[in-house]
Amino acid sequence: MVELSNTHKNVAGKTQIPEQKDWEGALVIDHLVSALGGDPSCPLRRALVLNDIDEHPDTTQAEIMNRLEINKSALNRDIEWLYDYGCILRQQSENDARVIKLQTCGYAKKNLTHSLDSFKKSHQNLKKFLLTFINAFPDRKITLRDIKILFVLDDKKETSRQALLNSLYNGPLTTDVRALKNMMADGLVEEVEHNDEYS
């Protein structure tokens, strides 16, 4: 059986919005995975950038850096990835060809909108949700898959390894297994044994 480690059992619960008693964080993560090209290995920082661009259409890279306090090289990588995967559009400013404006588009915008449904359409609330996890694991490049695992375990308290893997995405099983092992090695989740007694 697999469960959250004692030090991380309350992390998922702390992200919930009080007014939404039946709110499920795992569903938000599913929509973010869809918004990011179906890639659950994306870091939460990339989702944060996508959310910021959607909140501020026609924004520039410099403006994103100021709002999110992300270093230039990391932001460059995320913007290139988002553009290559068709999540955002880039357009030269009419006033200054050196300025590139960014905006979300297509499936990314559609699925991000679904994520925002859980936050009353508030980009700021989604931002707080993502930052809760980013700040909770400052020494780890936390991914969407990692957070899905945390939410599944927070909901079920404990489950079999196979059931947990079945609740993830349709990528290579070896990738999901490796992600789970890395989380165990980092102390985020742990495997427990139960010695059932026969009556």
C-alpha atoms as a PDB file:
ATOM      1  CA  MET A   1       0.000   0.000   0.000  1.00  0.00           C
ATOM      2  CA  VAL A   2       1.107   3.565  -0.700  1.00  0.00           C
ATOM      3  CA  GLU A   3       0.278   6.672   1.322  1.00  0.00           C
ATOM      4  CA  LEU A   4       1.439  10.237   1.836  1.00  0.00           C
ATOM      5  CA  SER A   5       4.348  10.605   4.229  1.00  0.00           C
ATOM      6  CA  ASN A   6       3.430  12.058   7.635  1.00  0.00           C
ATOM      7  CA  THR A   7       5.157  15.349   6.847  1.00  0.00           C
ATOM      8  CA  HIS A   8       3.138  15.876   3.645  1.00  0.00           C
ATOM      9  CA  LYS A   9      -0.349  14.608   4.549  1.00  0.00           C
ATOM     10  CA  ASN A  10      -1.775  18.124   4.848  1.00  0.00           C
ATOM     11  CA  VAL A  11      -0.152  19.742   1.806  1.00  0.00           C
ATOM     12  CA  ALA A  12      -2.918  18.873  -0.670  1.00  0.00           C
ATOM     13  CA  GLY A  13      -5.656  19.884   1.749  1.00  0.00           C
ATOM     14  CA  LYS A  14      -4.142  23.317   2.317  1.00  0.00           C
ATOM     15  CA  THR A  15      -4.701  24.257  -1.335  1.00  0.00           C
ATOM     16  CA  GLN A  16      -8.465  23.855  -1.167  1.00  0.00           C
ATOM     17  CA  ILE A  17     -10.695  26.905  -1.374  1.00  0.00           C
ATOM     18  CA  PRO A  18     -12.944  26.907   1.735  1.00  0.00           C
ATOM     19  CA  GLU A  19     -16.135  27.778  -0.177  1.00  0.00           C
ATOM     20  CA  GLN A  20     -15.771  24.689  -2.368  1.00  0.00           C
ATOM     21  CA  LYS A  21     -16.399  21.729  -0.098  1.00  0.00           C
ATOM     22  CA  ASP A  22     -16.507  19.162  -2.895  1.00  0.00           C
ATOM     23  CA  TRP A  23     -13.604  20.655  -4.811  1.00  0.00           C
ATOM     24  CA  GLU A  24     -11.154  18.115  -6.224  1.00  0.00           C
ATOM     25  CA  GLY A  25      -7.640  19.259  -6.957  1.00  0.00           C
ATOM     26  CA  ALA A  26      -6.923  16.198  -9.093  1.00  0.00           C
ATOM     27  CA  LEU A  27      -9.455  17.406 -11.679  1.00  0.00           C
ATOM     28  CA  VAL A  28      -7.710  20.788 -11.878  1.00  0.00           C
ATOM     29  CA  ILE A  29      -4.423  18.986 -12.526  1.00  0.00           C
ATOM     30  CA  ASP A  30      -6.061  16.889 -15.262  1.00  0.00           C
ATOM     31  CA  HIS A  31      -7.208  20.044 -17.058  1.00  0.00           C
ATOM     32  CA  LEU A  32      -3.753  21.614 -16.707  1.00  0.00           C
ATOM     33  CA  VAL A  33      -2.160  18.493 -18.193  1.00  0.00           C
ATOM     34  CA  SER A  34      -4.552  18.783 -21.156  1.00  0.00           C
ATOM     35  CA  ALA A  35      -3.745  22.494 -21.455  1.00  0.00           C
ATOM     36  CA  LEU A  36      -0.048  21.647 -21.611  1.00  0.00           C
ATOM     37  CA  GLY A  37      -0.191  19.236 -24.517  1.00  0.00           C
ATOM     38  CA  GLY A  38      -1.117  16.198 -22.417  1.00  0.00           C
ATOM     39  CA  ASP A  39       2.320  16.163 -20.796  1.00  0.00           C
ATOM     40  CA  PRO A  40       2.090  15.387 -17.050  1.00  0.00           C
ATOM     41  CA  SER A  41       5.857  15.763 -16.680  1.00  0.00           C
ATOM     42  CA  CYS A  42       5.556  19.540 -17.117  1.00  0.00           C
ATOM     43  CA  PRO A  43       6.798  21.489 -14.085  1.00  0.00           C
ATOM     44  CA  LEU A  44       4.227  23.560 -12.228  1.00  0.00           C
ATOM     45  CA  ARG A  45       6.216  26.663 -13.144  1.00  0.00           C
ATOM     46  CA  ARG A  46       5.183  26.170 -16.776  1.00  0.00           C
ATOM     47  CA  ALA A  47       1.518  26.027 -15.799  1.00  0.00           C
ATOM     48  CA  LEU A  48       2.081  29.186 -13.772  1.00  0.00           C
ATOM     49  CA  VAL A  49       3.492  30.947 -16.842  1.00  0.00           C
ATOM     50  CA  LEU A  50       0.589  29.780 -19.031  1.00  0.00           C
ATOM     51  CA  ASN A  51      -1.909  31.037 -16.456  1.00  0.00           C
ATOM     52  CA  ASP A  52      -0.172  34.420 -16.302  1.00  0.00           C
ATOM     53  CA  ILE A  53      -0.189  34.821 -20.082  1.00  0.00           C
ATOM     54  CA  ASP A  54      -3.889  33.960 -20.171  1.00  0.00           C
ATOM     55  CA  GLU A  55      -4.630  36.512 -17.455  1.00  0.00           C
ATOM     56  CA  HIS A  56      -2.651  39.195 -19.303  1.00  0.00           C
ATOM     57  CA  PRO A  57      -3.244  38.846 -23.079  1.00  0.00           C
ATOM     58  CA  ASP A  58      -0.591  40.520 -25.237  1.00  0.00           C
ATOM     59  CA  THR A  59       1.848  40.498 -22.350  1.00  0.00           C
ATOM     60  CA  THR A  60       5.610  40.498 -22.869  1.00  0.00           C
ATOM     61  CA  GLN A  61       8.335  38.296 -21.456  1.00  0.00           C
ATOM     62  CA  ALA A  62       9.717  41.169 -19.382  1.00  0.00           C
ATOM     63  CA  GLU A  63       6.305  41.745 -17.818  1.00  0.00           C
ATOM     64  CA  ILE A  64       5.965  38.057 -16.946  1.00  0.00           C
ATOM     65  CA  MET A  65       9.412  38.101 -15.330  1.00  0.00           C
ATOM     66  CA  ASN A  66       8.376  41.019 -13.146  1.00  0.00           C
ATOM     67  CA  ARG A  67       5.061  39.518 -12.099  1.00  0.00           C
ATOM     68  CA  LEU A  68       6.257  35.955 -11.419  1.00  0.00           C
ATOM     69  CA  GLU A  69       9.862  36.684 -10.423  1.00  0.00           C
ATOM     70  CA  ILE A  70      11.187  33.934 -12.695  1.00  0.00           C
ATOM     71  CA  ASN A  71      14.728  34.177 -14.009  1.00  0.00           C
ATOM     72  CA  LYS A  72      15.167  34.932 -17.698  1.00  0.00           C
ATOM     73  CA  SER A  73      16.700  31.621 -18.789  1.00  0.00           C
ATOM     74  CA  ALA A  74      13.986  29.524 -17.115  1.00  0.00           C
ATOM     75  CA  LEU A  75      11.247  31.721 -18.571  1.00  0.00           C
ATOM     76  CA  ASN A  76      12.850  31.507 -22.025  1.00  0.00           C
ATOM     77  CA  ARG A  77      12.668  27.700 -21.870  1.00  0.00           C
ATOM     78  CA  ASP A  78       9.034  27.730 -20.794  1.00  0.00           C
ATOM     79  CA  ILE A  79       7.946  30.222 -23.441  1.00  0.00           C
ATOM     80  CA  GLU A  80       9.786  28.297 -26.189  1.00  0.00           C
ATOM     81  CA  TRP A  81       8.132  25.070 -25.024  1.00  0.00           C
ATOM     82  CA  LEU A  82       4.674  26.659 -24.878  1.00  0.00           C
ATOM     83  CA  TYR A  83       5.124  28.088 -28.370  1.00  0.00           C
ATOM     84  CA  ASP A  84       6.490  24.862 -29.863  1.00  0.00           C
ATOM     85  CA  TYR A  85       3.553  22.881 -28.438  1.00  0.00           C
ATOM     86  CA  GLY A  86       0.958  25.321 -29.752  1.00  0.00           C
ATOM     87  CA  CYS A  87      -0.092  26.649 -26.348  1.00  0.00           C
ATOM     88  CA  ILE A  88       0.642  30.310 -27.076  1.00  0.00           C
ATOM     89  CA  LEU A  89       0.937  32.733 -29.980  1.00  0.00           C
ATOM     90  CA  ARG A  90       3.741  35.261 -30.454  1.00  0.00           C
ATOM     91  CA  GLN A  91       3.188  38.509 -32.320  1.00  0.00           C
ATOM     92  CA  GLN A  92       5.338  41.547 -32.934  1.00  0.00           C
ATOM     93  CA  SER A  93       4.120  44.791 -31.422  1.00  0.00           C
ATOM     94  CA  GLU A  94       2.773  47.289 -33.953  1.00  0.00           C
ATOM     95  CA  ASN A  95       4.680  50.061 -32.203  1.00  0.00           C
ATOM     96  CA  ASP A  96       8.014  48.267 -31.737  1.00  0.00           C
ATOM     97  CA  ALA A  97       9.021  45.196 -33.750  1.00  0.00           C
ATOM     98  CA  ARG A  98      11.501  44.257 -31.022  1.00  0.00           C
ATOM     99  CA  VAL A  99       8.634  43.694 -28.573  1.00  0.00           C
ATOM    100  CA  ILE A 100       6.930  40.291 -28.786  1.00  0.00           C
ATOM    101  CA  LYS A 101       3.429  39.984 -27.379  1.00  0.00           C
ATOM    102  CA  LEU A 102       2.145  36.654 -26.058  1.00  0.00           C
ATOM    103  CA  GLN A 103      -1.318  35.158 -25.717  1.00  0.00           C
ATOM    104  CA  THR A 104      -2.828  31.728 -25.105  1.00  0.00           C
ATOM    105  CA  CYS A 105      -4.658  29.890 -27.872  1.00  0.00           C
ATOM    106  CA  GLY A 106      -6.394  26.690 -28.941  1.00  0.00           C
ATOM    107  CA  TYR A 107      -6.564  23.650 -26.681  1.00  0.00           C
ATOM    108  CA  ALA A 108      -4.369  25.335 -24.073  1.00  0.00           C
ATOM    109  CA  LYS A 109      -6.788  28.216 -23.591  1.00  0.00           C
ATOM    110  CA  LYS A 110      -9.813  25.884 -23.633  1.00  0.00           C
ATOM    111  CA  ASN A 111      -8.476  23.512 -20.991  1.00  0.00           C
ATOM    112  CA  LEU A 112      -7.049  26.291 -18.847  1.00  0.00           C
ATOM    113  CA  THR A 113     -10.569  27.728 -18.771  1.00  0.00           C
ATOM    114  CA  HIS A 114     -11.795  24.394 -17.395  1.00  0.00           C
ATOM    115  CA  SER A 115      -9.152  24.606 -14.660  1.00  0.00           C
ATOM    116  CA  LEU A 116     -10.314  28.102 -13.789  1.00  0.00           C
ATOM    117  CA  ASP A 117     -13.877  26.821 -13.266  1.00  0.00           C
ATOM    118  CA  SER A 118     -12.737  25.433  -9.895  1.00  0.00           C
ATOM    119  CA  PHE A 119     -11.493  28.879  -8.879  1.00  0.00           C
ATOM    120  CA  LYS A 120     -14.527  30.968  -9.888  1.00  0.00           C
ATOM    121  CA  LYS A 121     -12.645  32.010 -13.053  1.00  0.00           C
ATOM    122  CA  SER A 122      -9.952  33.692 -10.946  1.00  0.00           C
ATOM    123  CA  HIS A 123      -6.457  33.495 -12.409  1.00  0.00           C
ATOM    124  CA  GLN A 124      -5.118  34.789  -9.109  1.00  0.00           C
ATOM    125  CA  ASN A 125      -6.665  31.879  -7.191  1.00  0.00           C
ATOM    126  CA  LEU A 126      -5.174  29.389  -9.654  1.00  0.00           C
ATOM    127  CA  LYS A 127      -1.848  31.166  -9.232  1.00  0.00           C
ATOM    128  CA  LYS A 128      -2.078  30.777  -5.441  1.00  0.00           C
ATOM    129  CA  PHE A 129      -2.927  27.089  -5.904  1.00  0.00           C
ATOM    130  CA  LEU A 130       0.176  26.484  -8.014  1.00  0.00           C
ATOM    131  CA  LEU A 131       2.452  28.572  -5.796  1.00  0.00           C
ATOM    132  CA  THR A 132       1.337  26.599  -2.735  1.00  0.00           C
ATOM    133  CA  PHE A 133       2.943  23.489  -4.199  1.00  0.00           C
ATOM    134  CA  ILE A 134       5.929  25.244  -5.729  1.00  0.00           C
ATOM    135  CA  ASN A 135       6.746  26.846  -2.371  1.00  0.00           C
ATOM    136  CA  ALA A 136       6.026  23.652  -0.424  1.00  0.00           C
ATOM    137  CA  PHE A 137       8.756  21.821  -2.369  1.00  0.00           C
ATOM    138  CA  PRO A 138      11.431  24.465  -3.028  1.00  0.00           C
ATOM    139  CA  ASP A 139      14.184  21.895  -3.583  1.00  0.00           C
ATOM    140  CA  ARG A 140      12.223  19.822  -6.069  1.00  0.00           C
ATOM    141  CA  LYS A 141      11.137  20.528  -9.641  1.00  0.00           C
ATOM    142  CA  ILE A 142       7.584  19.474  -8.850  1.00  0.00           C
ATOM    143  CA  THR A 143       5.528  18.258 -11.840  1.00  0.00           C
ATOM    144  CA  LEU A 144       1.836  17.969 -12.626  1.00  0.00           C
ATOM    145  CA  ARG A 145       2.123  14.190 -12.284  1.00  0.00           C
ATOM    146  CA  ASP A 146       3.627  14.567  -8.801  1.00  0.00           C
ATOM    147  CA  ILE A 147       0.719  16.735  -7.687  1.00  0.00           C
ATOM    148  CA  LYS A 148      -1.826  14.297  -9.155  1.00  0.00           C
ATOM    149  CA  ILE A 149      -0.228  11.556  -7.041  1.00  0.00           C
ATOM    150  CA  LEU A 150      -0.470  13.747  -3.928  1.00  0.00           C
ATOM    151  CA  PHE A 151      -4.154  14.469  -4.549  1.00  0.00           C
ATOM    152  CA  VAL A 152      -5.037  10.831  -5.244  1.00  0.00           C
ATOM    153  CA  LEU A 153      -3.361   9.773  -1.993  1.00  0.00           C
ATOM    154  CA  ASP A 154      -4.913  12.669  -0.088  1.00  0.00           C
ATOM    155  CA  ASP A 155      -8.346  11.512  -1.299  1.00  0.00           C
ATOM    156  CA  LYS A 156      -7.861   7.784  -0.738  1.00  0.00           C
ATOM    157  CA  LYS A 157      -5.518   8.104   2.287  1.00  0.00           C
ATOM    158  CA  GLU A 158      -3.798   4.922   1.146  1.00  0.00           C
ATOM    159  CA  THR A 159      -4.078   2.739  -1.920  1.00  0.00           C
ATOM    160  CA  SER A 160      -2.233  -0.038  -3.717  1.00  0.00           C
ATOM    161  CA  ARG A 161       0.652   0.908  -5.952  1.00  0.00           C
ATOM    162  CA  GLN A 162      -1.177  -0.495  -8.995  1.00  0.00           C
ATOM    163  CA  ALA A 163      -4.388   1.412  -8.250  1.00  0.00           C
ATOM    164  CA  LEU A 164      -2.380   4.603  -7.880  1.00  0.00           C
ATOM    165  CA  LEU A 165      -0.608   4.076 -11.211  1.00  0.00           C
ATOM    166  CA  ASN A 166      -3.961   3.313 -12.874  1.00  0.00           C
ATOM    167  CA  SER A 167      -5.257   6.715 -11.735  1.00  0.00           C
ATOM    168  CA  LEU A 168      -2.489   8.531 -13.616  1.00  0.00           C
ATOM    169  CA  TYR A 169      -2.113   9.260 -17.315  1.00  0.00           C
ATOM    170  CA  ASN A 170      -1.824   7.115 -20.423  1.00  0.00           C
ATOM    171  CA  GLY A 171       1.897   7.579 -20.859  1.00  0.00           C
ATOM    172  CA  PRO A 172       4.594   4.921 -20.508  1.00  0.00           C
ATOM    173  CA  LEU A 173       4.146   2.905 -17.296  1.00  0.00           C
ATOM    174  CA  THR A 174       7.894   3.058 -16.676  1.00  0.00           C
ATOM    175  CA  THR A 175       7.697   6.863 -16.508  1.00  0.00           C
ATOM    176  CA  ASP A 176       4.926   6.769 -13.879  1.00  0.00           C
ATOM    177  CA  VAL A 177       6.787   4.129 -11.864  1.00  0.00           C
ATOM    178  CA  ARG A 178       9.982   6.183 -11.954  1.00  0.00           C
ATOM    179  CA  ALA A 179       8.097   9.294 -10.820  1.00  0.00           C
ATOM    180  CA  LEU A 180       6.562   7.395  -7.893  1.00  0.00           C
ATOM    181  CA  LYS A 181       9.942   5.946  -6.892  1.00  0.00           C
ATOM    182  CA  ASN A 182      11.488   9.416  -6.983  1.00  0.00           C
ATOM    183  CA  MET A 183       8.730  10.730  -4.713  1.00  0.00           C
ATOM    184  CA  MET A 184       9.385   7.854  -2.302  1.00  0.00           C
ATOM    185  CA  ALA A 185      13.114   8.555  -2.370  1.00  0.00           C
ATOM    186  CA  ASP A 186      12.414  12.221  -1.607  1.00  0.00           C
ATOM    187  CA  GLY A 187      10.138  11.284   1.291  1.00  0.00           C
ATOM    188  CA  LEU A 188       6.917  12.668  -0.206  1.00  0.00           C
ATOM    189  CA  VAL A 189       5.130   9.319  -0.156  1.00  0.00           C
ATOM    190  CA  GLU A 190       5.870   6.032   1.539  1.00  0.00           C
ATOM    191  CA  GLU A 191       5.012   2.381   1.138  1.00  0.00           C
ATOM    192  CA  VAL A 192       3.414   0.682   4.123  1.00  0.00           C
ATOM    193  CA  GLU A 193       2.718  -2.936   4.942  1.00  0.00           C
ATOM    194  CA  HIS A 194      -0.353  -4.202   6.752  1.00  0.00           C
ATOM    195  CA  ASN A 195      -0.343  -7.466   8.684  1.00  0.00           C
ATOM    196  CA  ASP A 196      -4.006  -8.455   8.551  1.00  0.00           C
ATOM    197  CA  GLU A 197      -5.162 -10.895  11.203  1.00  0.00           C
ATOM    198  CA  TYR A 198      -7.672 -13.609  10.418  1.00  0.00           C
ATOM    199  CA  SER A 199     -10.640 -13.782  12.710  1.00  0.00           C
END
